[in-house]
Structures are given as C-alpha cells and as structure tokens.
C-alpha cells in the first residue's frame, strides 16, 4: 500500500478546496453586490465622495427582469426607466422584461403559425400587429383606469388628512392614516410615501416621488401646496380642505362636460365603425361587388383618399369633443 501516494492525493484535494475558498472570499470581498454597496456607502460618507456621480438611495429599486442577463441588456436601452415608470403607473405586477416578452413573443408565434398553416399575408400582418400591440394596449388601459380612480379618490384623501391634522396628528401620520384607511389604489400610493418618510427619505423627496408615480394635475397641486406651506407657513388643514373642494368642483364640471359631449362621442364612434362594418357586410353578401376597389388603380386611389379623410375626420372630432377642465 503506497501511503505516500494517498497522502499526496489528500493534500491535493484539500489544496483545491482551499484554492476555491480563497477565490470565493476574494470575489465576495471585492466584486460581489454586498461589497459594492458597502464601498458606495463608504464613499458617500467620506469627504468629497461622489459614489460614481450617482445619488445614493436607501430605497430598494425595482428589478427590470427576473433574469440578470436580460436586466443587463435592458439597462443599455435608452429611456428604459421611463418604460418601467409607465408599468408602475399602470398598477400591473409586470416587470420590463415581462412586458418586452409579451410584446415580442405573440407576433413571432403568429408568424410561425402563418408558416405552418395558410393565412393570407394581409391577415397575418394584421394579426401580428394586434399581437404586438396587446401588451401596450393593456398597460395603457390599466394606467388610465387606475389614474382615473386615483383622481376620484383624491378629494376624500385630502379631507381625511385635513381631519387628521385638525385632530392633532402630524402630516406624516396623516399620510399613514390615509394609506391604512383608504382603498386601493390611493391607499398603496400614500402608504408608500409614508414608508419612505419612515425610512429616512426627506418629505420633499417622498412627495416628489409620489407626484412622479401618479402623474395627475390635482395631486401635483396637492404636493405643491404642501411644500409651499412648509416654507411659508399657514393652516395646512384648511389648505387641504380647500383643495378637496376645488377638486370636487372640477370633477363635477368635467362630468357635466362629458354628459354634454356624449352625443359627439357617439357620433364619432358610429361614423368611424360604419364604413368598415358596411364593407364587411357587402363582402359577405356579394364578394365581387367591392373587388374593383382592389383590382383597379383608381379604386386603390379612392380607398387611400377615403382613409386619409377618415383619419383627418377622427382627429378633428376628437379635438372638438375633448374638452379639458
């Protein structure tokens, strides 16, 4: 039995383990995420530190994707954080990576399906376009519904804060009361601002972040009024009560304007859908009747002119019936 050989093998084994451990400790000390965060904190606390010209934040940032590789790729895309803010405003639990996948995958899958089974080229292009626009349409619709709900809840939130201030609570405590008592979505937004203040974020920055997350004019007026009151003084409870009354009056006037312009909106929908609906019905009843529009050059010119005039009419009717209050 060669004990020297076995001893050499054991020593090599432990040497490899020690080498792996040394490499791991070296990586953790100088290149891991924890080491970089510690280095940034030390640099920020040191005299003249700039932390790579970026402002330090005690708040956890949203991940752009669950995949680190995809996150690195998305960070190279310009204005990617604006897209992330758009997703946050919609209230959907989507990351940027999920949004990109839901935008790219449907048209690709439909294109592959069009190769397997026969689908006319025009219909395939329309289907791929619809598949690509599904995710942006859903996010945009969710964002508008959420912002509209927030705008409707804001007067009640301002009244609740005004009553809390009259009862002797501080402004930050009033934010927390609104976050706990009000339903979604305004409850979660005010709760997030309250948590930021508790974590040490200055009140001005917390309210500014709230205004960025909720881009509605009434909330911005609310934030501006609070910030001005902190600089100049005054009765904040009375200011919030007045803001609540102004917002309610504006929403009532907006509802009246919508009721008066309902006929114009209905006319716009009917005039926009009627040509396509009639074309579909005629194509089903008499397929050869409209064929001249696609086979004759003059027919193509007529279709192009009609589309241009319809787009112009849609834009014009939208300008007429869309009244800002």
Foldseek 3Di string as FASTA:
>chain_A
DPVVVVVVVVVVVVVVVVVVVVVVVVCVCPPDPVNLVVVLVVQVPDPPRCSVVDDDDPDDDDQQDPDPVVSVVLVPDPPSVVVQLLQLLLVDPDHNVRLVCQLPVQLVVLVVVCVVDPDDPVVNVVRSVCSNCVSVVSSVVSNVVQLVVVLVCLLVLLLQLLVVVVVPDDNLVSLQVQLVPPDPDSNVLSNQLSVSVVVPDDNLVSLVVSCSSRVDPLSVVVSVVVVVCVVPNDNSSVVSNVSSVVSVVQVVVVVVLCVVLVVLVVVLVCVLCVVVVVVVVCCVVPVVPLVCLVVPPVSVVVVVVVVVVNVVVSVVSCVVSDDDD
